[in-house]
Amino acid sequence: MKKNKNIKNNIKVLDLHGFNKIDAELELENFFIIIKNQNIKKCKIITGWGQEKEPILFNFTKTWLEDKAYDYNHDLGSFVVNLS
């Protein structure tokens, strides 16, 4: 159930709505391999905020990006990652 698309300005988008942490990690790994091979300079990852008190997928993605030392900005439910 891959939800990955192109948008303007050479930015790729990965929408992780509905994914669990295990599947989200696989999607993130595959997505970053693909966009690095395509020389993409910026991407957007949409996680949503979730209905729980704690935004599980958002927090997971934030930690994943930090562990990989990616430069990013975020709002309530998405990340913009700079790859240059």
N, C-alpha and C. Protein backbone atom coordinates (compact mmCIF):
# COMPACT_ATOMS: atom_id res chain seq x y z
N MET A 1 0.83 -1.17 0.00
CA MET A 1 0.00 0.00 0.00
C MET A 1 0.89 1.25 0.00
N LYS A 2 1.74 1.33 -0.95
CA LYS A 2 2.68 2.44 -1.03
C LYS A 2 1.99 3.70 -1.52
N LYS A 3 2.14 4.77 -0.78
CA LYS A 3 1.52 6.04 -1.13
C LYS A 3 2.64 7.06 -1.32
N ASN A 4 3.27 7.02 -2.43
CA ASN A 4 4.39 7.91 -2.65
C ASN A 4 4.17 8.59 -3.99
N LYS A 5 4.30 9.89 -4.02
CA LYS A 5 3.99 10.64 -5.23
C LYS A 5 4.92 11.82 -5.41
N ASN A 6 4.91 12.37 -6.61
CA ASN A 6 5.70 13.57 -6.92
C ASN A 6 4.83 14.80 -6.69
N ILE A 7 5.45 15.88 -6.29
CA ILE A 7 4.79 17.17 -6.31
C ILE A 7 5.72 18.18 -6.93
N LYS A 8 5.31 19.43 -7.01
CA LYS A 8 6.10 20.46 -7.67
C LYS A 8 7.49 20.63 -7.07
N ASN A 9 8.35 21.25 -7.84
CA ASN A 9 9.70 21.64 -7.40
C ASN A 9 10.58 20.46 -7.03
N ASN A 10 10.42 19.34 -7.70
CA ASN A 10 11.28 18.18 -7.48
C ASN A 10 11.24 17.69 -6.02
N ILE A 11 10.07 17.75 -5.41
CA ILE A 11 9.89 17.25 -4.04
C ILE A 11 9.06 15.98 -4.13
N LYS A 12 9.55 14.92 -3.52
CA LYS A 12 8.79 13.67 -3.45
C LYS A 12 8.05 13.62 -2.13
N VAL A 13 6.91 12.96 -2.13
CA VAL A 13 6.07 12.86 -0.94
C VAL A 13 5.85 11.40 -0.59
N LEU A 14 5.99 11.08 0.68
CA LEU A 14 5.64 9.76 1.19
C LEU A 14 4.55 9.96 2.24
N ASP A 15 3.41 9.35 2.02
CA ASP A 15 2.28 9.45 2.94
C ASP A 15 2.20 8.17 3.75
N LEU A 16 2.44 8.28 5.05
CA LEU A 16 2.46 7.10 5.92
C LEU A 16 1.16 6.93 6.71
N HIS A 17 0.13 7.67 6.38
CA HIS A 17 -1.15 7.50 7.07
C HIS A 17 -1.57 6.03 7.05
N GLY A 18 -1.96 5.51 8.19
CA GLY A 18 -2.46 4.15 8.26
C GLY A 18 -1.40 3.07 8.42
N PHE A 19 -0.13 3.43 8.41
CA PHE A 19 0.94 2.45 8.56
C PHE A 19 1.22 2.20 10.04
N ASN A 20 1.64 0.98 10.36
CA ASN A 20 2.15 0.73 11.71
C ASN A 20 3.66 1.03 11.68
N LYS A 21 4.29 0.99 12.84
CA LYS A 21 5.72 1.38 12.90
C LYS A 21 6.62 0.46 12.07
N ILE A 22 6.34 -0.82 12.05
CA ILE A 22 7.18 -1.76 11.30
C ILE A 22 7.09 -1.46 9.80
N ASP A 23 5.86 -1.33 9.30
CA ASP A 23 5.69 -1.04 7.88
C ASP A 23 6.19 0.35 7.53
N ALA A 24 6.01 1.31 8.43
CA ALA A 24 6.50 2.68 8.19
C ALA A 24 8.02 2.69 8.05
N GLU A 25 8.70 1.92 8.89
CA GLU A 25 10.16 1.88 8.80
C GLU A 25 10.61 1.31 7.46
N LEU A 26 9.97 0.27 7.00
CA LEU A 26 10.30 -0.31 5.70
C LEU A 26 10.05 0.69 4.58
N GLU A 27 8.94 1.39 4.64
CA GLU A 27 8.62 2.41 3.63
C GLU A 27 9.65 3.53 3.65
N LEU A 28 10.02 3.99 4.84
CA LEU A 28 11.01 5.06 4.94
C LEU A 28 12.34 4.63 4.35
N GLU A 29 12.80 3.43 4.70
CA GLU A 29 14.07 2.92 4.17
C GLU A 29 14.04 2.87 2.65
N ASN A 30 13.00 2.27 2.09
CA ASN A 30 12.90 2.14 0.63
C ASN A 30 12.76 3.50 -0.04
N PHE A 31 11.95 4.37 0.53
CA PHE A 31 11.73 5.70 -0.03
C PHE A 31 13.03 6.49 -0.10
N PHE A 32 13.82 6.46 0.96
CA PHE A 32 15.07 7.23 0.97
C PHE A 32 16.11 6.64 0.03
N ILE A 33 16.12 5.36 -0.16
CA ILE A 33 17.02 4.76 -1.16
C ILE A 33 16.65 5.26 -2.55
N ILE A 34 15.36 5.25 -2.85
CA ILE A 34 14.89 5.68 -4.18
C ILE A 34 15.20 7.15 -4.42
N ILE A 35 14.86 8.02 -3.47
CA ILE A 35 15.05 9.45 -3.73
C ILE A 35 16.52 9.84 -3.75
N LYS A 36 17.35 9.15 -3.00
CA LYS A 36 18.79 9.44 -3.09
C LYS A 36 19.33 9.07 -4.47
N ASN A 37 18.86 7.96 -5.02
CA ASN A 37 19.29 7.54 -6.35
C ASN A 37 18.78 8.48 -7.44
N GLN A 38 17.71 9.20 -7.16
CA GLN A 38 17.14 10.14 -8.13
C GLN A 38 17.64 11.58 -7.91
N ASN A 39 18.59 11.76 -7.00
CA ASN A 39 19.14 13.08 -6.68
C ASN A 39 18.08 14.09 -6.25
N ILE A 40 17.09 13.63 -5.53
CA ILE A 40 16.06 14.50 -4.98
C ILE A 40 16.67 15.28 -3.81
N LYS A 41 16.42 16.57 -3.77
CA LYS A 41 17.02 17.44 -2.74
C LYS A 41 16.12 17.68 -1.54
N LYS A 42 14.83 17.40 -1.70
CA LYS A 42 13.89 17.66 -0.62
C LYS A 42 12.73 16.69 -0.74
N CYS A 43 12.23 16.25 0.41
CA CYS A 43 11.06 15.38 0.39
C CYS A 43 10.13 15.74 1.54
N LYS A 44 8.91 15.28 1.42
CA LYS A 44 7.92 15.50 2.47
C LYS A 44 7.39 14.16 2.92
N ILE A 45 7.33 13.98 4.22
CA ILE A 45 6.79 12.75 4.80
C ILE A 45 5.56 13.14 5.61
N ILE A 46 4.44 12.57 5.26
CA ILE A 46 3.19 12.86 5.96
C ILE A 46 2.89 11.70 6.89
N THR A 47 2.74 12.01 8.17
CA THR A 47 2.41 10.98 9.15
C THR A 47 1.02 11.17 9.74
N GLY A 48 0.51 12.38 9.67
CA GLY A 48 -0.70 12.68 10.40
C GLY A 48 -0.36 12.81 11.88
N TRP A 49 -1.37 13.10 12.66
CA TRP A 49 -1.13 13.29 14.10
C TRP A 49 -1.70 12.14 14.90
N GLY A 50 -2.62 11.40 14.34
CA GLY A 50 -3.20 10.26 15.03
C GLY A 50 -4.27 10.68 16.03
N GLN A 51 -4.97 9.70 16.54
CA GLN A 51 -6.06 9.97 17.47
C GLN A 51 -5.67 9.67 18.92
N GLU A 52 -4.52 9.09 19.12
CA GLU A 52 -4.06 8.78 20.47
C GLU A 52 -3.57 10.06 21.14
N LYS A 53 -3.40 9.99 22.45
CA LYS A 53 -2.84 11.14 23.18
C LYS A 53 -1.43 11.45 22.69
N GLU A 54 -0.71 10.41 22.36
CA GLU A 54 0.66 10.53 21.87
C GLU A 54 0.67 10.19 20.38
N PRO A 55 1.19 11.06 19.53
CA PRO A 55 1.23 10.79 18.09
C PRO A 55 2.31 9.76 17.75
N ILE A 56 1.95 8.51 17.79
CA ILE A 56 2.92 7.41 17.70
C ILE A 56 3.73 7.44 16.41
N LEU A 57 3.08 7.49 15.27
CA LEU A 57 3.80 7.45 13.99
C LEU A 57 4.62 8.72 13.77
N PHE A 58 4.09 9.85 14.17
CA PHE A 58 4.83 11.11 14.08
C PHE A 58 6.11 11.02 14.91
N ASN A 59 5.99 10.59 16.16
CA ASN A 59 7.17 10.48 17.04
C ASN A 59 8.16 9.45 16.51
N PHE A 60 7.66 8.34 16.00
CA PHE A 60 8.54 7.32 15.43
C PHE A 60 9.34 7.90 14.27
N THR A 61 8.66 8.59 13.36
CA THR A 61 9.33 9.16 12.19
C THR A 61 10.35 10.22 12.60
N LYS A 62 10.02 11.04 13.57
CA LYS A 62 10.94 12.06 14.08
C LYS A 62 12.22 11.40 14.61
N THR A 63 12.06 10.37 15.40
CA THR A 63 13.22 9.65 15.94
C THR A 63 14.02 8.99 14.83
N TRP A 64 13.34 8.40 13.85
CA TRP A 64 14.02 7.75 12.73
C TRP A 64 14.87 8.76 11.97
N LEU A 65 14.30 9.93 11.68
CA LEU A 65 15.05 10.97 10.96
C LEU A 65 16.25 11.45 11.77
N GLU A 66 16.06 11.62 13.06
CA GLU A 66 17.17 12.07 13.93
C GLU A 66 18.26 11.02 14.02
N ASP A 67 17.87 9.75 14.12
CA ASP A 67 18.86 8.67 14.17
C ASP A 67 19.70 8.61 12.90
N LYS A 68 19.10 8.96 11.78
CA LYS A 68 19.80 8.96 10.49
C LYS A 68 20.48 10.31 10.21
N ALA A 69 20.34 11.25 11.13
CA ALA A 69 20.97 12.59 11.04
C ALA A 69 20.47 13.39 9.84
N TYR A 70 19.18 13.26 9.51
CA TYR A 70 18.60 14.07 8.45
C TYR A 70 18.23 15.45 8.98
N ASP A 71 18.39 16.45 8.13
CA ASP A 71 17.99 17.82 8.43
C ASP A 71 16.52 17.96 8.04
N TYR A 72 15.68 18.36 8.98
CA TYR A 72 14.25 18.43 8.67
C TYR A 72 13.57 19.56 9.46
N ASN A 73 12.40 19.92 8.97
CA ASN A 73 11.47 20.80 9.68
C ASN A 73 10.16 20.03 9.75
N HIS A 74 9.32 20.38 10.73
CA HIS A 74 8.04 19.68 10.81
C HIS A 74 6.93 20.60 11.29
N ASP A 75 5.72 20.14 11.03
CA ASP A 75 4.54 20.77 11.61
C ASP A 75 3.75 19.65 12.29
N LEU A 76 2.50 19.87 12.57
CA LEU A 76 1.70 18.86 13.26
C LEU A 76 1.24 17.76 12.31
N GLY A 77 2.13 16.91 11.91
CA GLY A 77 1.73 15.78 11.08
C GLY A 77 2.55 15.55 9.83
N SER A 78 3.57 16.36 9.61
CA SER A 78 4.42 16.12 8.43
C SER A 78 5.82 16.68 8.64
N PHE A 79 6.72 16.18 7.83
CA PHE A 79 8.13 16.59 7.88
C PHE A 79 8.57 16.98 6.48
N VAL A 80 9.38 18.01 6.39
CA VAL A 80 10.06 18.35 5.16
C VAL A 80 11.54 18.10 5.42
N VAL A 81 12.13 17.22 4.63
CA VAL A 81 13.51 16.78 4.85
C VAL A 81 14.39 17.34 3.74
N ASN A 82 15.49 17.98 4.12
CA ASN A 82 16.47 18.50 3.18
C ASN A 82 17.56 17.45 3.00
N LEU A 83 17.80 17.11 1.75
CA LEU A 83 18.76 16.04 1.46
C LEU A 83 20.05 16.55 0.82
N SER A 84 20.17 17.84 0.64
CA SER A 84 21.38 18.36 -0.03
C SER A 84 22.52 18.52 0.93
